[in-house]
N, C-alpha and C. Protein backbone atom coordinates (compact mmCIF):
# COMPACT_ATOMS: atom_id res chain seq x y z
N MET A 1 21.75 127.71 88.87
CA MET A 1 22.68 126.92 88.01
C MET A 1 22.58 127.86 86.45
N HIS A 2 23.61 126.60 86.03
CA HIS A 2 23.45 127.82 84.14
C HIS A 2 22.34 126.95 83.85
N PRO A 3 21.50 126.97 82.65
CA PRO A 3 21.41 126.52 81.84
C PRO A 3 22.02 125.64 80.91
N ASP A 4 23.57 126.34 80.41
CA ASP A 4 24.40 126.50 79.73
C ASP A 4 25.48 124.81 79.49
N LEU A 5 24.98 124.29 80.84
CA LEU A 5 26.46 123.51 80.86
C LEU A 5 25.39 122.72 81.58
N PRO A 6 25.66 120.86 80.99
CA PRO A 6 25.36 119.86 81.20
C PRO A 6 24.93 119.36 82.33
N HIS A 7 23.70 118.27 81.53
CA HIS A 7 23.05 117.89 83.20
C HIS A 7 23.84 117.24 84.19
N ASP A 8 25.35 116.20 83.78
CA ASP A 8 26.18 116.11 84.87
C ASP A 8 26.68 116.93 86.03
N VAL A 9 26.88 117.79 85.40
CA VAL A 9 28.04 119.08 85.99
C VAL A 9 27.44 119.73 87.07
N ARG A 10 25.49 119.88 86.33
CA ARG A 10 24.18 120.56 87.12
C ARG A 10 23.95 119.78 88.26
N ARG A 11 25.05 118.73 88.37
CA ARG A 11 24.63 117.73 90.19
C ARG A 11 25.45 117.46 90.45
N THR A 12 26.48 117.99 90.50
CA THR A 12 27.84 118.04 91.22
C THR A 12 27.45 118.99 92.86
N SER A 13 28.05 118.53 93.46
CA SER A 13 27.76 119.82 95.03
C SER A 13 29.05 120.23 95.05
N ARG A 14 29.70 120.60 94.16
CA ARG A 14 31.42 121.29 94.73
C ARG A 14 30.81 122.84 94.90
N ARG A 15 30.90 123.01 95.34
CA ARG A 15 30.71 124.37 95.38
C ARG A 15 31.19 125.65 94.43
N PHE A 16 32.45 125.77 94.05
CA PHE A 16 32.85 126.78 92.54
C PHE A 16 32.37 124.81 91.12
N PRO A 17 31.62 124.94 90.34
CA PRO A 17 31.56 124.23 89.31
C PRO A 17 32.05 124.43 88.03
N LEU A 18 32.37 123.48 88.09
CA LEU A 18 32.99 123.05 86.86
C LEU A 18 33.20 123.57 85.50
N THR A 19 33.78 124.53 85.05
CA THR A 19 33.46 125.03 83.65
C THR A 19 33.61 123.42 82.15
N PRO A 20 33.00 122.74 81.55
CA PRO A 20 33.31 121.98 80.37
C PRO A 20 34.85 121.66 79.88
N ALA A 21 35.54 123.06 79.81
CA ALA A 21 36.75 122.53 79.45
C ALA A 21 37.50 122.01 80.58
N ALA A 22 37.47 122.63 81.63
CA ALA A 22 38.41 122.57 83.36
C ALA A 22 37.48 121.43 83.39
N HIS A 23 36.69 120.53 82.91
CA HIS A 23 35.95 119.57 83.57
C HIS A 23 36.86 118.31 82.74
N LYS A 24 36.98 118.80 81.68
CA LYS A 24 37.41 117.70 80.19
C LYS A 24 39.29 117.52 81.44
N HIS A 25 39.35 118.86 81.73
CA HIS A 25 41.46 118.67 81.73
C HIS A 25 41.46 117.73 83.39
N SER A 26 40.64 117.99 83.96
CA SER A 26 40.62 118.29 85.43
C SER A 26 41.31 116.32 85.56
N ALA A 27 42.15 115.96 86.78
CA ALA A 27 42.17 114.38 86.87
C ALA A 27 41.30 114.15 87.75
N PRO A 28 41.16 112.83 87.95
CA PRO A 28 40.01 111.51 89.24
C PRO A 28 41.19 112.88 90.25
N GLY A 29 40.35 112.49 91.52
CA GLY A 29 40.18 113.14 92.45
C GLY A 29 41.42 113.49 92.65
N SER A 30 41.78 115.10 91.94
CA SER A 30 41.95 116.26 92.06
C SER A 30 42.08 117.59 93.32
N LEU A 31 42.51 117.82 93.81
CA LEU A 31 42.22 118.68 95.42
C LEU A 31 41.97 120.03 94.43
N LEU A 32 42.75 120.54 93.35
CA LEU A 32 41.85 121.42 92.46
C LEU A 32 41.28 122.18 91.93
N PRO A 33 39.92 122.23 91.15
CA PRO A 33 39.45 122.24 90.51
C PRO A 33 40.23 122.49 89.36
N GLY A 34 40.56 122.14 87.92
CA GLY A 34 41.21 122.08 87.05
C GLY A 34 42.24 122.27 86.77
N ARG A 35 43.31 121.67 87.93
CA ARG A 35 44.58 121.60 87.88
C ARG A 35 45.10 120.06 87.67
N GLN A 36 45.79 119.58 87.46
CA GLN A 36 46.40 118.12 87.32
C GLN A 36 47.38 117.31 88.08
N GLN A 37 47.31 116.67 88.66
CA GLN A 37 49.19 115.89 89.36
C GLN A 37 49.71 116.07 88.68
N ARG A 38 50.64 116.06 88.03
CA ARG A 38 52.46 115.61 86.92
C ARG A 38 52.69 116.54 87.79
N GLY A 39 54.11 114.63 88.07
CA GLY A 39 55.65 115.09 88.21
C GLY A 39 55.65 114.15 89.71
N PHE A 40 54.47 113.61 90.10
CA PHE A 40 54.66 113.93 91.24
C PHE A 40 55.10 111.98 92.06
N GLY A 41 55.62 111.52 91.04
CA GLY A 41 55.78 110.36 90.56
C GLY A 41 57.65 110.30 90.09
N LEU A 42 57.75 111.11 89.58
CA LEU A 42 59.10 112.06 88.97
C LEU A 42 60.47 111.64 90.29
N VAL A 43 59.43 113.11 91.13
CA VAL A 43 59.82 113.44 92.13
C VAL A 43 60.50 112.99 93.52
N ALA A 44 59.68 111.13 93.90
CA ALA A 44 59.82 110.32 94.33
C ALA A 44 61.08 109.30 93.07
N ALA A 45 60.48 109.25 92.42
CA ALA A 45 61.99 108.90 91.62
C ALA A 45 63.35 108.95 91.98
N MET A 46 63.61 110.42 92.12
CA MET A 46 64.49 111.21 91.70
C MET A 46 64.83 110.94 93.49
N PHE A 47 64.05 111.33 94.55
CA PHE A 47 64.52 111.27 95.67
C PHE A 47 65.29 109.90 96.20
N LEU A 48 64.09 108.53 95.45
CA LEU A 48 64.56 107.52 96.14
C LEU A 48 66.19 107.17 95.22
N ILE A 49 66.68 108.02 93.91
CA ILE A 49 67.94 107.58 93.28
C ILE A 49 69.10 108.53 94.40
N ILE A 50 68.41 109.37 94.86
CA ILE A 50 69.55 110.37 95.13
C ILE A 50 69.49 109.09 96.86
N VAL A 51 68.32 109.13 97.08
CA VAL A 51 69.02 108.07 99.19
C VAL A 51 70.15 107.16 97.96
N VAL A 52 69.88 106.36 97.60
CA VAL A 52 70.24 105.07 97.55
C VAL A 52 71.74 105.80 96.68
N ALA A 53 72.00 106.60 95.67
CA ALA A 53 72.95 106.83 95.49
C ALA A 53 74.46 107.17 96.58
N GLY A 54 73.06 107.86 97.74
CA GLY A 54 74.29 108.56 99.17
C GLY A 54 75.05 107.04 99.53
N ALA A 55 73.87 106.27 99.74
CA ALA A 55 74.19 105.13 100.42
C ALA A 55 75.18 104.54 99.82
N ILE A 56 75.06 104.14 98.33
CA ILE A 56 76.27 103.23 97.55
C ILE A 56 77.66 103.85 97.78
N ALA A 57 77.40 105.59 98.18
CA ALA A 57 78.97 106.07 98.13
C ALA A 57 79.57 105.85 99.80
N ALA A 58 78.40 105.88 100.30
CA ALA A 58 78.71 105.84 102.02
C ALA A 58 79.31 104.32 102.67
N MET A 59 79.12 103.50 101.09
CA MET A 59 79.31 101.96 101.49
C MET A 59 80.84 101.98 101.43
N TRP A 60 80.64 102.64 99.67
CA TRP A 60 82.54 102.82 99.25
C TRP A 60 83.45 103.16 99.80
N ARG A 61 83.07 104.71 101.02
CA ARG A 61 84.10 104.58 101.65
C ARG A 61 84.63 104.55 102.56
N MET A 62 83.55 103.07 103.00
CA MET A 62 84.22 102.85 103.53
C MET A 62 84.22 101.46 103.56
N SER A 63 84.58 101.12 102.72
CA SER A 63 84.89 99.82 102.55
C SER A 63 86.61 100.40 101.77
N VAL A 64 87.09 101.01 101.72
CA VAL A 64 88.24 101.82 101.86
C VAL A 64 89.15 102.16 102.36
N THR A 65 88.23 103.04 103.52
CA THR A 65 88.63 102.91 105.20
C THR A 65 89.23 101.32 105.39
N GLN A 66 88.28 101.31 105.33
CA GLN A 66 88.29 99.41 105.59
C GLN A 66 89.80 98.70 105.50
N THR A 67 89.80 98.75 103.90
CA THR A 67 91.51 98.58 103.65
C THR A 67 92.74 98.85 103.87
N ALA A 68 92.20 100.36 103.35
CA ALA A 68 93.33 101.32 103.96
C ALA A 68 93.42 100.93 105.92
N THR A 69 92.94 100.70 106.87
CA THR A 69 93.22 100.74 107.91
C THR A 69 93.68 98.72 108.29
N ASN A 70 93.12 97.80 106.84
CA ASN A 70 93.82 96.65 107.18
C ASN A 70 95.26 96.85 106.63
N ASN A 71 95.60 97.11 105.76
CA ASN A 71 96.77 96.90 105.06
C ASN A 71 97.66 97.91 106.27
N LEU A 72 97.33 98.35 107.61
CA LEU A 72 98.21 99.50 107.54
C LEU A 72 98.51 98.79 109.12
N SER A 73 97.68 98.05 109.35
CA SER A 73 97.10 96.95 110.41
C SER A 73 98.30 96.27 110.38
N LEU A 74 98.55 95.54 109.42
CA LEU A 74 98.63 94.65 108.76
C LEU A 74 100.59 94.99 108.89
N GLN A 75 101.00 95.86 107.83
CA GLN A 75 102.37 96.89 108.46
C GLN A 75 102.36 97.09 109.90
N GLN A 76 101.52 96.97 110.00
CA GLN A 76 101.92 97.77 111.83
C GLN A 76 102.63 96.51 112.83
N SER A 77 102.27 95.17 112.40
CA SER A 77 102.45 93.75 113.11
C SER A 77 103.73 93.31 112.21
N ARG A 78 103.58 93.62 110.64
CA ARG A 78 105.19 93.18 110.20
C ARG A 78 106.23 93.88 110.87
N ALA A 79 106.16 95.09 111.12
CA ALA A 79 107.29 95.69 111.69
C ALA A 79 107.67 95.67 113.13
N TYR A 80 106.13 95.12 113.81
CA TYR A 80 106.80 95.27 115.07
C TYR A 80 107.14 93.72 115.12
N GLN A 81 107.26 92.50 114.36
CA GLN A 81 107.94 91.24 114.15
C GLN A 81 109.54 91.47 113.86
N ALA A 82 109.89 92.57 112.88
CA ALA A 82 110.69 92.68 112.37
C ALA A 82 111.32 93.68 113.83
N ALA A 83 111.30 93.88 114.25
CA ALA A 83 111.61 94.60 115.50
C ALA A 83 112.35 93.48 116.19
N ARG A 84 111.32 93.00 116.60
CA ARG A 84 111.47 91.88 117.58
C ARG A 84 112.42 91.41 117.09
N ALA A 85 112.64 90.26 115.59
CA ALA A 85 113.87 90.26 114.80
C ALA A 85 115.52 90.36 115.97
N GLY A 86 114.74 92.00 115.48
CA GLY A 86 116.22 92.61 115.90
C GLY A 86 116.48 92.60 117.14
N ILE A 87 115.59 92.52 118.46
CA ILE A 87 115.79 92.49 119.84
C ILE A 87 116.98 90.86 119.92
N GLU A 88 115.93 90.24 119.06
CA GLU A 88 116.51 88.71 119.46
C GLU A 88 118.31 88.30 118.83
N TRP A 89 118.56 89.02 117.44
CA TRP A 89 119.57 89.32 117.28
C TRP A 89 120.10 89.70 118.36
N GLY A 90 120.11 90.92 118.43
CA GLY A 90 120.90 92.02 119.63
C GLY A 90 121.14 91.08 120.77
N ILE A 91 120.29 90.45 121.37
CA ILE A 91 120.43 89.98 122.91
C ILE A 91 121.38 88.69 122.08
N SER A 92 121.56 87.67 121.17
CA SER A 92 122.56 87.07 121.05
C SER A 92 123.70 87.21 120.92
N SER A 93 123.89 88.15 119.75
CA SER A 93 125.71 89.11 120.11
C SER A 93 125.78 89.47 120.89
N ALA A 94 124.96 90.29 122.03
CA ALA A 94 125.62 90.68 123.48
C ALA A 94 125.99 89.50 124.08
N LEU A 95 125.13 88.39 124.53
CA LEU A 95 125.62 87.07 124.93
C LEU A 95 126.68 86.66 124.49
N ALA A 96 126.72 86.75 123.42
CA ALA A 96 128.41 86.27 122.35
C ALA A 96 129.42 86.93 123.22
N GLY A 97 129.01 88.09 123.35
CA GLY A 97 130.39 88.93 123.50
C GLY A 97 130.44 90.32 122.80
N ASN A 98 129.37 90.80 121.61
CA ASN A 98 129.63 91.22 120.24
C ASN A 98 128.58 92.02 120.62
N CYS A 99 129.01 92.81 121.68
CA CYS A 99 127.89 94.29 122.00
C CYS A 99 128.31 95.80 121.37
N SER A 100 129.79 95.17 120.48
CA SER A 100 129.87 97.13 120.62
C SER A 100 129.60 96.95 118.70
N LEU A 101 129.31 95.37 118.37
CA LEU A 101 129.69 94.98 117.08
C LEU A 101 128.22 94.80 116.56
N VAL A 102 126.85 95.69 118.06
CA VAL A 102 125.72 95.18 116.99
C VAL A 102 124.96 96.58 116.76
N ASN A 103 125.61 97.73 116.09
CA ASN A 103 124.97 98.63 116.04
C ASN A 103 125.12 99.21 114.91
N PRO A 104 124.73 98.14 113.87
CA PRO A 104 124.55 98.68 112.39
C PRO A 104 123.28 98.08 112.23
N SER A 105 123.32 98.99 110.84
CA SER A 105 121.49 98.41 110.25
C SER A 105 122.05 97.16 109.22
N PHE A 106 120.06 96.36 109.65
CA PHE A 106 120.45 95.40 108.97
C PHE A 106 118.73 94.90 108.35
N THR A 107 118.83 94.48 107.50
CA THR A 107 117.38 94.13 106.77
C THR A 107 116.97 92.49 107.17
N PRO A 108 115.91 91.84 108.14
CA PRO A 108 115.84 90.53 108.00
C PRO A 108 115.50 89.88 106.95
N GLY A 109 115.85 88.56 106.99
CA GLY A 109 115.69 87.13 105.79
C GLY A 109 113.83 87.09 105.04
N GLY A 110 113.45 87.54 106.04
CA GLY A 110 111.83 86.71 105.91
C GLY A 110 110.97 87.65 105.50
N PHE A 111 111.15 89.90 105.59
CA PHE A 111 110.79 89.98 105.23
C PHE A 111 110.81 90.84 103.66
N ALA A 112 110.92 90.08 102.66
CA ALA A 112 111.59 90.34 101.18
C ALA A 112 111.54 91.95 101.65
N GLU A 113 113.20 92.20 101.81
CA GLU A 113 113.57 93.29 102.23
C GLU A 113 112.53 94.89 101.91
N GLN A 114 112.10 93.89 102.90
CA GLN A 114 110.87 96.34 102.60
C GLN A 114 111.44 97.16 104.47
N PHE A 115 112.37 96.53 105.26
CA PHE A 115 111.95 97.10 106.85
C PHE A 115 113.38 96.99 106.58
N ARG A 116 113.53 97.86 108.15
CA ARG A 116 114.74 98.38 107.76
C ARG A 116 115.19 98.64 109.29
N VAL A 117 115.95 97.50 110.04
CA VAL A 117 115.88 97.42 111.55
C VAL A 117 117.05 98.23 111.79
N ASP A 118 116.98 98.81 112.44
CA ASP A 118 118.07 99.05 113.28
C ASP A 118 118.59 99.39 114.93
N VAL A 119 119.63 98.50 114.94
CA VAL A 119 119.75 98.24 116.44
C VAL A 119 120.92 98.13 116.73
N SER A 120 120.78 98.24 118.36
CA SER A 120 121.72 99.44 119.33
C SER A 120 122.02 98.58 120.73
N CYS A 121 123.01 98.86 121.09
CA CYS A 121 123.18 97.60 121.99
C CYS A 121 124.64 99.10 123.05
N GLU A 122 124.21 99.03 124.57
CA GLU A 122 125.18 98.90 125.32
C GLU A 122 125.66 98.59 126.23
N GLU A 123 126.62 98.88 126.90
CA GLU A 123 127.14 97.38 127.74
C GLU A 123 127.26 98.81 128.76
N THR A 124 126.92 97.79 130.31
CA THR A 124 126.97 98.67 131.32
C THR A 124 127.14 97.80 132.45
N GLU A 125 128.55 97.94 133.13
CA GLU A 125 129.28 96.93 134.11
C GLU A 125 128.42 97.26 135.04
N GLY A 126 127.65 96.00 136.66
CA GLY A 126 127.14 96.82 137.73
C GLY A 126 127.80 96.59 138.41
N SER A 127 128.22 97.05 139.81
CA SER A 127 129.09 96.23 141.07
C SER A 127 128.78 95.82 141.99
N THR A 128 127.28 95.26 141.86
CA THR A 128 126.37 94.62 142.39
C THR A 128 127.11 93.33 142.57
N ALA A 129 127.38 92.69 143.50
CA ALA A 129 127.97 90.65 143.87
C ALA A 129 127.13 89.93 144.38
N LEU A 130 127.32 88.94 144.00
CA LEU A 130 126.56 87.58 145.05
C LEU A 130 126.27 87.22 145.42
N PRO A 131 127.52 87.40 146.01
CA PRO A 131 128.33 86.32 146.58
C PRO A 131 128.05 84.92 147.02
N GLU A 132 126.58 85.21 147.54
CA GLU A 132 125.93 83.73 147.49
C GLU A 132 125.38 83.20 146.74
N GLU A 133 125.36 83.25 144.99
CA GLU A 133 125.62 82.88 144.10
C GLU A 133 126.79 83.04 142.98
N GLY A 134 128.07 82.81 144.33
CA GLY A 134 128.98 82.89 143.45
C GLY A 134 128.83 84.12 141.98
N VAL A 135 128.57 85.25 141.97
CA VAL A 135 128.45 86.23 141.25
C VAL A 135 129.69 86.75 141.72
N SER A 136 130.73 87.90 141.21
CA SER A 136 130.67 88.58 141.47
C SER A 136 130.61 90.07 140.53
N THR A 137 130.14 90.55 139.82
CA THR A 137 129.60 91.30 138.79
C THR A 137 128.97 90.79 138.12
N VAL A 138 127.57 91.78 137.45
CA VAL A 138 126.67 91.82 136.76
C VAL A 138 127.11 92.28 135.62
N THR A 139 126.70 92.22 134.29
CA THR A 139 127.32 93.21 133.33
C THR A 139 125.30 93.12 132.71
N PHE A 140 125.78 94.87 132.30
CA PHE A 140 123.62 95.04 131.82
C PHE A 140 123.85 95.32 130.01
N PHE A 141 123.17 94.55 129.73
CA PHE A 141 122.62 94.64 127.92
C PHE A 141 121.45 95.55 128.06
N SER A 142 121.99 96.80 127.22
CA SER A 142 120.33 97.54 126.86
C SER A 142 119.90 97.45 125.68
N ILE A 143 119.03 96.72 125.06
CA ILE A 143 119.15 97.15 123.57
C ILE A 143 117.71 97.46 123.38
N THR A 144 117.55 97.81 122.31
CA THR A 144 117.10 98.64 121.65
C THR A 144 116.71 98.46 119.81
N SER A 145 115.60 97.51 119.53
CA SER A 145 115.57 97.87 117.89
C SER A 145 114.98 98.33 117.50
N ALA A 146 115.56 98.77 116.27
CA ALA A 146 113.57 100.54 116.14
C ALA A 146 113.59 99.62 114.20
N ALA A 147 112.30 98.64 114.30
CA ALA A 147 112.25 98.57 112.84
C ALA A 147 111.09 99.17 111.75
N GLU A 148 111.93 100.54 110.69
CA GLU A 148 111.07 101.38 109.60
C GLU A 148 110.63 100.66 108.52
N TYR A 149 109.68 100.89 108.02
CA TYR A 149 108.72 100.74 106.45
C TYR A 149 108.23 101.77 105.86
N ALA A 150 109.04 101.40 104.96
CA ALA A 150 108.28 103.49 104.28
C ALA A 150 109.39 103.87 104.60
N SER A 151 108.76 105.99 104.10
CA SER A 151 109.30 106.75 104.60
C SER A 151 108.19 107.60 105.47
N PRO A 152 108.63 108.21 106.47
CA PRO A 152 107.75 108.67 107.33
C PRO A 152 106.74 109.49 106.70
N GLY A 153 105.14 110.36 106.12
CA GLY A 153 104.73 110.85 105.49
C GLY A 153 103.58 110.38 104.54
N THR A 154 104.18 109.04 103.67
CA THR A 154 103.33 108.74 102.92
C THR A 154 102.38 107.41 103.91
N PRO A 155 101.45 107.11 102.63
CA PRO A 155 100.12 106.81 103.79
C PRO A 155 100.55 105.02 104.61
N ASP A 156 100.99 104.32 103.78
CA ASP A 156 101.71 102.48 104.76
C ASP A 156 103.01 102.62 105.56
N TYR A 157 103.25 104.32 105.70
CA TYR A 157 104.61 104.32 106.26
C TYR A 157 104.52 103.42 108.30
N ALA A 158 105.18 102.20 108.84
CA ALA A 158 104.68 101.82 109.81
C ALA A 158 106.24 101.51 110.63
N TYR A 159 106.09 101.75 111.61
CA TYR A 159 107.38 101.87 113.07
C TYR A 159 107.08 101.45 113.64
N ARG A 160 108.42 100.50 114.36
CA ARG A 160 108.00 99.86 115.98
C ARG A 160 109.69 100.13 116.54
N ARG A 161 109.57 100.41 117.91
CA ARG A 161 110.59 100.45 118.34
C ARG A 161 110.51 99.84 119.79
N LEU A 162 111.79 99.05 120.01
CA LEU A 162 111.71 97.45 121.05
C LEU A 162 112.90 98.14 122.06
N ASN A 163 112.82 97.82 123.59
CA ASN A 163 113.58 97.68 123.38
C ASN A 163 113.83 97.11 124.76
N ALA A 164 115.51 96.56 124.67
CA ALA A 164 115.33 95.09 126.40
C ALA A 164 116.58 95.63 126.81
N VAL A 165 116.46 94.91 128.31
CA VAL A 165 117.36 94.38 129.36
C VAL A 165 118.04 93.22 129.94
N VAL A 166 118.96 93.23 129.68
CA VAL A 166 119.25 90.98 129.51
C VAL A 166 120.97 91.67 130.03
N GLU A 167 120.85 90.63 131.72
CA GLU A 167 121.67 90.39 132.47
C GLU A 167 122.84 89.47 131.91
N LYS A 168 123.91 89.56 132.71
CA LYS A 168 124.83 88.63 132.17
C LYS A 168 125.88 88.81 133.47
N ASP A 169 125.85 87.44 134.41
CA ASP A 169 126.74 87.25 135.20
C ASP A 169 128.32 86.59 135.05
N ASP A 170 128.58 87.47 135.44
CA ASP A 170 130.17 86.83 135.74
C ASP A 170 131.11 86.23 136.32
C-alpha cells in the first residue's frame, strides 16, 4: 500500500485501489472504478415513450379502420335494401302487366337520392299446361335489380344486385 493514500482507501479490499481523484468521482455501487453511471434513466424513459407512442399509433390506426369498415357495411346494407325495393317494384309492375315498362333507372324515395337503382324485366311464356289446376299457360318474369352508391373506385362505393323469378298463371 502507498503511504500517500488516505487511511480509509488503504483498507479497501479492491484489487485495484482507487486514486483519491477517482474515489471522489465514482458513484456508489459502480461496476467500473472511476466510471459514473449516468443516462440509464434517460434510455429507459425514451424506450417507454417509444413503446407508448407505438401503442397509441396502433390503436389510432385500428380505430380508423373500424370506422371505415362500419361505414362501408352500412352503405352495403343500404344498397341491399335499395335493390330489394327495386325487385319489389319490378314484381308489382310485372304482375300488373307492365313488364315492358320496368326498364328505367330510378331513385327510391327513402334513400335521400343517394342510390341509383336499375331494374329490368324479361317476360317468358312457358308451354307448361296444368289442366288439373285449370292453367293453360304459365308466364315467367325474370326481374333484376341493381343498386349503386357513388362511383366505382371511390372508398364508399357500394353495389348490390338481386334477381327474382316470378310466375303468373293465365
